[in-house]
Amino acid sequence: MIRGVRGAITVQSDQAAIVLAETEKLIEEIVKANNIVAEDVASVVISTTPDIVSAFPAKAVRTMEGWSYVPVMCMHEMNVPDALPLCIRVLMHVNTEISQQAIRHIYLNDAVKLRPDLAK
C-alpha cells in the first residue's frame, strides 16, 4: 500500500542555507515519526510559497544519506491572499503497512497553523 505522509515547516527568511536546513529537519521528523526508510519512499513532492526562491528544497532531500535515488520534485504553491508566508510543504508517498489513521503528519514552526488537528 502507498500512503501519503504530509508535513510543512516555515522558515524565518528566504536564505538558501535556512531553506535547506529546515527542509532536512522536516524530512527527518517525518521519517522518525513514521519509521520510514528511503527504500520505501516512492516519491517526494515539495512545494514552497512564492516568496521562497533562494534554493530548491529537493536538494536537501537528495543530499541526505541513502536518499539520492528517491525521486523528488519542487514546485510553487498557489499565490493565495493571506496565505501563510515562507512555508515549505511536503507530500511523501511511502510504501507501508501502516493504516491511514496511524500516519503521523508533521507540522513545525508556524506551519502548525495549517493543520492544528494533525499537529503533534
Protein backbone atom coordinates (compact mmCIF):
# COMPACT_ATOMS: atom_id res chain seq x y z
CA MET A 1 0.00 0.00 0.00
CA ILE A 2 1.22 3.51 -0.76
CA ARG A 3 0.30 6.16 1.80
CA GLY A 4 0.75 9.90 1.63
CA VAL A 5 2.61 11.47 4.52
CA ARG A 6 2.25 15.22 4.86
CA GLY A 7 4.33 17.85 6.54
CA ALA A 8 5.11 21.54 6.49
CA ILE A 9 7.53 23.98 8.05
CA THR A 10 8.07 27.71 7.89
CA VAL A 11 11.41 29.47 7.56
CA GLN A 12 12.40 32.78 9.10
CA SER A 13 13.77 34.15 5.82
CA ASP A 14 14.44 33.13 2.25
CA GLN A 15 18.11 32.24 2.54
CA ALA A 16 19.43 29.09 0.85
CA ALA A 17 21.11 27.70 3.96
CA ILE A 18 17.95 28.17 6.03
CA VAL A 19 15.66 26.67 3.38
CA LEU A 20 17.88 23.59 3.05
CA ALA A 21 18.37 23.12 6.80
CA GLU A 22 14.68 23.47 7.62
CA THR A 23 13.68 21.13 4.78
CA GLU A 24 16.08 18.50 6.08
CA LYS A 25 14.72 18.99 9.60
CA LEU A 26 11.16 18.45 8.37
CA ILE A 27 12.04 15.33 6.38
CA GLU A 28 13.97 13.89 9.33
CA GLU A 29 10.98 14.47 11.64
CA ILE A 30 8.57 12.83 9.17
CA VAL A 31 10.90 9.85 8.78
CA LYS A 32 11.41 9.46 12.53
CA ALA A 33 7.72 9.76 13.41
CA ASN A 34 6.68 7.17 10.83
CA ASN A 35 9.67 4.77 10.86
CA ILE A 36 10.32 5.45 7.16
CA VAL A 37 13.39 4.24 5.29
CA ALA A 38 14.36 5.81 1.96
CA GLU A 39 13.99 2.47 0.15
CA ASP A 40 10.24 2.52 0.92
CA VAL A 41 9.69 6.05 -0.45
CA ALA A 42 8.14 6.11 -3.93
CA SER A 43 8.49 9.89 -4.34
CA VAL A 44 8.51 13.22 -2.56
CA VAL A 45 6.74 16.35 -3.77
CA ILE A 46 7.82 19.61 -2.16
CA SER A 47 6.11 22.95 -2.63
CA THR A 48 7.06 26.38 -1.39
CA THR A 49 5.15 29.59 -1.14
CA PRO A 50 6.14 32.02 -3.93
CA ASP A 51 8.33 34.02 -1.52
CA ILE A 52 10.91 31.19 -1.37
CA VAL A 53 13.27 31.35 -4.35
CA SER A 54 16.79 31.05 -2.89
CA ALA A 55 17.15 27.26 -3.15
CA PHE A 56 15.43 24.09 -4.28
CA PRO A 57 14.31 22.29 -1.10
CA ALA A 58 14.68 18.99 -3.00
CA LYS A 59 18.44 19.45 -2.80
CA ALA A 60 18.24 18.92 0.96
CA VAL A 61 16.49 15.59 0.45
CA ARG A 62 18.77 14.36 -2.34
CA THR A 63 21.86 15.00 -0.22
CA MET A 64 20.59 13.05 2.81
CA GLU A 65 22.36 9.73 3.30
CA GLY A 66 20.53 6.97 1.42
CA TRP A 67 18.11 9.33 -0.36
CA SER A 68 19.99 10.01 -3.62
CA TYR A 69 17.73 7.66 -5.66
CA VAL A 70 14.40 8.85 -4.26
CA PRO A 71 12.52 10.92 -6.89
CA VAL A 72 11.99 14.43 -5.53
CA MET A 73 10.29 17.37 -7.21
CA CYS A 74 9.76 21.02 -6.22
CA MET A 75 7.09 23.50 -7.22
CA HIS A 76 5.46 26.71 -6.01
CA GLU A 77 2.15 26.83 -4.19
CA MET A 78 -0.70 28.98 -5.46
CA ASN A 79 -0.32 32.63 -4.50
CA VAL A 80 -3.43 32.94 -2.34
CA PRO A 81 -4.07 36.19 -0.44
CA ASP A 82 -3.34 35.95 3.29
CA ALA A 83 -1.69 32.53 2.93
CA LEU A 84 0.97 31.53 5.43
CA PRO A 85 4.25 33.03 4.13
CA LEU A 86 7.68 31.40 3.87
CA CYS A 87 6.24 27.90 4.02
CA ILE A 88 7.64 24.62 2.71
CA ARG A 89 5.16 21.75 2.30
CA VAL A 90 5.99 18.08 1.74
CA LEU A 91 3.94 15.17 0.42
CA MET A 92 5.86 11.90 0.72
CA HIS A 93 4.50 8.76 -0.98
CA VAL A 94 5.56 5.77 1.12
CA ASN A 95 5.11 2.02 0.71
CA THR A 96 3.88 0.95 4.13
CA GLU A 97 1.54 -1.36 6.00
CA ILE A 98 0.64 1.44 8.44
CA SER A 99 -3.05 2.36 8.41
CA GLN A 100 -4.07 5.79 7.16
CA GLN A 101 -5.18 6.78 10.67
CA ALA A 102 -1.80 5.81 12.15
CA ILE A 103 0.26 8.02 9.83
CA ARG A 104 1.82 10.93 11.73
CA HIS A 105 1.81 14.13 9.70
CA ILE A 106 4.36 16.67 10.88
CA TYR A 107 3.86 20.44 11.07
CA LEU A 108 6.65 22.57 12.51
CA ASN A 109 7.21 26.23 13.38
CA ASP A 110 4.31 28.45 12.23
CA ALA A 111 3.09 25.68 9.91
CA VAL A 112 1.21 24.17 12.87
CA LYS A 113 -1.44 26.78 11.98
CA LEU A 114 -2.16 24.91 8.73
CA ARG A 115 -3.44 21.73 10.38
CA PRO A 116 -3.77 22.15 14.13
CA ASP A 117 -5.87 18.98 14.15
CA LEU A 118 -2.85 16.98 12.92
CA ALA A 119 -0.01 18.79 14.71
CA LYS A 120 1.53 16.66 17.43
